[in-house]
């Protein structure tokens, strides 16, 4: 895997800032960012997500929109989720088998041989992790985007799943998975370790990885 070129990072970050500041609307940004990168590793989409307030972890993913909430959220995550300002959310659809380590290295523009604990530290330092209220806001946007033109997630199929990185109680990183088997069903939310290498599951035909303030792989 080659490192991401600095000019690619600069262009993606500029587009993200312009969307958040309102200089360009999302539909214009899509012409730049909804592209398949060279090599076919991941299709990429970017949207703007508004600010989200802080709240206790125990209050997140409650209510009729959610059918299953893993107990590990309260055990392994911080007691409080921090408020976040408006930001860009980038969704990657891998077009070949790609494990979380490889994709994190692509997003960060570093070697795919970097140890997982160092990758995790960089994901936090570069603000690519999501807080739970922001994920709730993203899922609510998906539910309201009935045409599917704005929020690109893998849902409404038994063979779809989405993952993002969240900060655990000790300042490390875990993978959060959210899945909805069909429209009208509730979301299931659970945590996965970042210490085990795995790729796209053989029974999951559609999977996405979601990052905060991440570059577009174009």
Protein backbone atom coordinates (compact mmCIF):
# COMPACT_ATOMS: atom_id res chain seq x y z
CA UNK A 1 0.00 0.00 0.00
CA UNK A 2 1.33 3.43 -0.89
CA UNK A 3 1.07 6.45 1.36
CA UNK A 4 -1.57 9.03 0.52
CA UNK A 5 -0.11 11.96 -1.37
CA UNK A 6 -0.06 15.30 0.54
CA UNK A 7 -1.94 17.09 -2.24
CA UNK A 8 -4.76 14.53 -1.99
CA UNK A 9 -5.06 15.11 1.74
CA UNK A 10 -5.00 18.89 1.28
CA UNK A 11 -7.74 18.79 -1.37
CA UNK A 12 -10.02 16.56 0.71
CA UNK A 13 -9.55 18.63 3.86
CA UNK A 14 -10.24 21.85 1.91
CA UNK A 15 -13.49 20.43 0.53
CA UNK A 16 -14.52 19.29 4.04
CA UNK A 17 -13.90 22.77 5.46
CA UNK A 18 -15.83 24.41 2.61
CA UNK A 19 -18.85 22.16 3.19
CA UNK A 20 -18.88 22.78 6.95
CA UNK A 21 -18.47 26.56 6.53
CA UNK A 22 -21.23 26.71 3.93
CA UNK A 23 -18.98 27.93 1.11
CA UNK A 24 -20.22 25.11 -1.11
CA UNK A 25 -23.40 23.01 -0.78
CA UNK A 26 -23.21 19.26 -0.28
CA UNK A 27 -24.52 18.46 -3.77
CA UNK A 28 -21.59 20.36 -5.30
CA UNK A 29 -19.10 18.67 -2.98
CA UNK A 30 -20.41 15.29 -4.12
CA UNK A 31 -19.08 15.96 -7.61
CA UNK A 32 -15.60 16.03 -6.09
CA UNK A 33 -15.83 13.34 -3.45
CA UNK A 34 -18.21 10.59 -4.62
CA UNK A 35 -15.46 8.89 -6.57
CA UNK A 36 -13.91 5.46 -6.73
CA UNK A 37 -10.22 5.75 -5.86
CA UNK A 38 -7.40 4.47 -8.00
CA UNK A 39 -6.95 0.77 -7.33
CA UNK A 40 -10.62 0.18 -6.47
CA UNK A 41 -10.07 -0.24 -2.73
CA UNK A 42 -13.02 1.86 -1.44
CA UNK A 43 -15.76 4.08 -2.85
CA UNK A 44 -15.94 7.27 -0.82
CA UNK A 45 -18.76 9.65 0.16
CA UNK A 46 -18.72 12.73 2.38
CA UNK A 47 -21.52 14.61 4.13
CA UNK A 48 -21.82 17.37 6.72
CA UNK A 49 -22.98 16.40 10.19
CA UNK A 50 -24.22 19.07 12.58
CA UNK A 51 -23.03 19.55 16.14
CA UNK A 52 -24.01 16.95 18.73
CA UNK A 53 -24.34 17.45 22.47
CA UNK A 54 -22.61 15.50 25.20
CA UNK A 55 -24.53 12.95 27.23
CA UNK A 56 -24.00 9.85 29.41
CA UNK A 57 -23.09 6.72 27.48
CA UNK A 58 -25.90 4.87 29.30
CA UNK A 59 -28.46 7.12 27.58
CA UNK A 60 -27.17 6.49 24.05
CA UNK A 61 -28.91 4.15 21.59
CA UNK A 62 -32.13 3.95 23.57
CA UNK A 63 -35.68 4.06 22.28
CA UNK A 64 -37.70 2.45 19.46
CA UNK A 65 -35.06 3.12 16.79
CA UNK A 66 -32.81 0.47 18.36
CA UNK A 67 -33.60 -3.23 18.69
CA UNK A 68 -30.37 -4.35 20.39
CA UNK A 69 -27.75 -2.48 22.40
CA UNK A 70 -24.76 -4.46 23.61
CA UNK A 71 -24.00 -4.29 27.36
CA UNK A 72 -20.34 -3.80 26.43
CA UNK A 73 -21.06 -0.14 25.62
CA UNK A 74 -21.53 0.66 29.31
CA UNK A 75 -18.67 -1.60 30.37
CA UNK A 76 -15.98 -0.61 27.85
CA UNK A 77 -16.70 3.03 26.92
CA UNK A 78 -16.30 6.25 28.96
CA UNK A 79 -19.19 7.14 31.26
CA UNK A 80 -19.72 10.42 29.35
CA UNK A 81 -19.72 11.13 25.63
CA UNK A 82 -18.28 14.52 24.71
CA UNK A 83 -20.09 17.18 22.70
CA UNK A 84 -18.78 17.62 19.18
CA UNK A 85 -18.88 20.57 16.79
CA UNK A 86 -20.18 20.32 13.23
CA UNK A 87 -17.91 18.19 11.07
CA UNK A 88 -17.65 16.15 7.92
CA UNK A 89 -18.40 12.43 7.93
CA UNK A 90 -16.70 10.25 5.36
CA UNK A 91 -18.07 6.81 4.45
CA UNK A 92 -15.91 4.23 2.72
CA UNK A 93 -17.36 1.27 0.82
CA UNK A 94 -14.51 -1.25 0.36
CA UNK A 95 -14.64 -2.84 -3.09
CA UNK A 96 -12.26 -5.61 -2.09
CA UNK A 97 -11.41 -7.43 1.13
CA UNK A 98 -10.02 -4.81 3.47
CA UNK A 99 -9.58 -5.14 7.22
CA UNK A 100 -9.89 -2.19 9.63
CA UNK A 101 -6.11 -1.90 10.03
CA UNK A 102 -5.58 -1.47 6.28
CA UNK A 103 -8.35 1.10 5.94
CA UNK A 104 -7.17 3.08 8.98
CA UNK A 105 -3.69 3.20 7.45
CA UNK A 106 -5.15 4.41 4.14
CA UNK A 107 -7.11 7.17 5.87
CA UNK A 108 -4.11 8.27 7.93
CA UNK A 109 -1.72 8.04 5.00
CA UNK A 110 0.72 5.79 6.86
CA UNK A 111 2.27 2.37 6.33
CA UNK A 112 -0.08 -0.60 6.66
CA UNK A 113 2.63 -2.23 8.77
CA UNK A 114 2.15 0.25 11.63
CA UNK A 115 1.18 -1.56 14.89
CA UNK A 116 -2.53 -1.38 15.84
CA UNK A 117 -1.89 0.58 19.05
CA UNK A 118 -0.06 3.29 17.09
CA UNK A 119 -2.84 3.40 14.48
CA UNK A 120 -5.39 3.78 17.30
CA UNK A 121 -3.43 6.66 18.83
CA UNK A 122 -3.29 8.47 15.46
CA UNK A 123 -7.02 7.95 14.85
CA UNK A 124 -7.75 9.76 18.12
CA UNK A 125 -5.11 12.49 17.58
CA UNK A 126 -6.44 13.23 14.07
CA UNK A 127 -10.06 13.33 15.30
CA UNK A 128 -11.28 10.45 13.11
CA UNK A 129 -13.26 8.75 15.90
CA UNK A 130 -16.98 9.30 16.53
CA UNK A 131 -18.87 9.99 19.73
CA UNK A 132 -22.08 8.03 20.30
CA UNK A 133 -24.45 11.05 20.04
CA UNK A 134 -22.92 11.83 16.64
CA UNK A 135 -23.62 8.26 15.49
CA UNK A 136 -27.21 8.62 16.71
CA UNK A 137 -27.51 11.83 14.70
CA UNK A 138 -26.10 10.10 11.60
CA UNK A 139 -28.55 7.21 11.89
CA UNK A 140 -31.43 9.64 12.34
CA UNK A 141 -30.32 11.45 9.18
CA UNK A 142 -30.25 8.12 7.35
CA UNK A 143 -33.79 7.30 8.45
CA UNK A 144 -35.02 10.67 7.16
CA UNK A 145 -33.07 10.49 3.88
CA UNK A 146 -35.58 8.21 2.20
CA UNK A 147 -34.05 8.64 -1.28
CA UNK A 148 -30.62 7.65 -0.06
CA UNK A 149 -29.04 10.63 -1.83
CA UNK A 150 -27.26 12.10 1.18
CA UNK A 151 -26.38 9.54 3.84
CA UNK A 152 -24.55 6.54 2.41
CA UNK A 153 -24.72 3.60 4.82
CA UNK A 154 -25.16 -0.13 4.34
CA UNK A 155 -28.56 -1.04 5.79
CA UNK A 156 -31.91 -2.73 5.20
CA UNK A 157 -30.36 -6.08 4.36
CA UNK A 158 -29.35 -9.14 6.36
CA UNK A 159 -25.99 -8.90 4.60
CA UNK A 160 -25.03 -5.32 5.42
CA UNK A 161 -23.13 -3.67 8.25
CA UNK A 162 -21.39 -0.42 9.19
CA UNK A 163 -18.39 0.19 11.42
CA UNK A 164 -16.68 3.20 12.96
CA UNK A 165 -13.98 3.87 15.54
CA UNK A 166 -14.88 4.99 19.07
CA UNK A 167 -12.72 5.80 22.11
CA UNK A 168 -12.79 3.25 24.92
CA UNK A 169 -12.66 3.90 28.66
CA UNK A 170 -8.83 3.80 28.76
CA UNK A 171 -8.30 6.17 25.82
CA UNK A 172 -7.74 3.41 23.27
CA UNK A 173 -9.93 2.58 20.28
CA UNK A 174 -12.68 0.04 19.63
CA UNK A 175 -14.71 -0.72 16.54
CA UNK A 176 -18.43 -0.04 16.81
CA UNK A 177 -20.76 -1.94 14.50
CA UNK A 178 -24.30 -0.82 13.67
CA UNK A 179 -26.63 -2.89 11.53
CA UNK A 180 -30.28 -2.87 10.44
CA UNK A 181 -31.60 -5.99 8.69
CA UNK A 182 -34.55 -4.33 6.93
CA UNK A 183 -36.46 -1.06 6.76
CA UNK A 184 -38.74 -0.71 9.76
CA UNK A 185 -36.51 -2.82 11.99
CA UNK A 186 -34.42 -1.35 14.79
CA UNK A 187 -30.67 -0.83 14.66
CA UNK A 188 -28.39 -3.25 16.49
CA UNK A 189 -25.27 -1.72 18.07
CA UNK A 190 -22.23 -3.59 19.40
CA UNK A 191 -18.48 -3.26 19.96
CA UNK A 192 -15.63 -5.21 18.37
CA UNK A 193 -11.98 -5.38 19.38
CA UNK A 194 -9.37 -3.46 17.38
CA UNK A 195 -6.78 -6.11 18.28
CA UNK A 196 -8.01 -8.81 15.91
CA UNK A 197 -7.43 -8.73 12.15
CA UNK A 198 -10.45 -9.47 10.04
CA UNK A 199 -11.74 -8.35 6.67
CA UNK A 200 -15.14 -8.15 5.04
CA UNK A 201 -17.14 -11.07 6.42
CA UNK A 202 -17.95 -13.67 3.81
CA UNK A 203 -21.66 -13.45 4.63
CA UNK A 204 -21.71 -9.63 4.56
CA UNK A 205 -21.91 -8.41 0.97
CA UNK A 206 -22.15 -4.71 1.91
CA UNK A 207 -20.02 -3.14 4.61
CA UNK A 208 -18.97 0.45 5.22
CA UNK A 209 -16.47 2.18 7.48
CA UNK A 210 -17.37 5.65 8.80
CA UNK A 211 -14.83 8.27 9.91
CA UNK A 212 -15.03 11.81 11.28
CA UNK A 213 -13.11 14.55 9.44
CA UNK A 214 -11.32 12.04 7.22
CA UNK A 215 -9.80 12.64 3.78
CA UNK A 216 -11.50 11.50 0.61
CA UNK A 217 -9.62 8.70 -1.11
CA UNK A 218 -9.88 10.05 -4.65
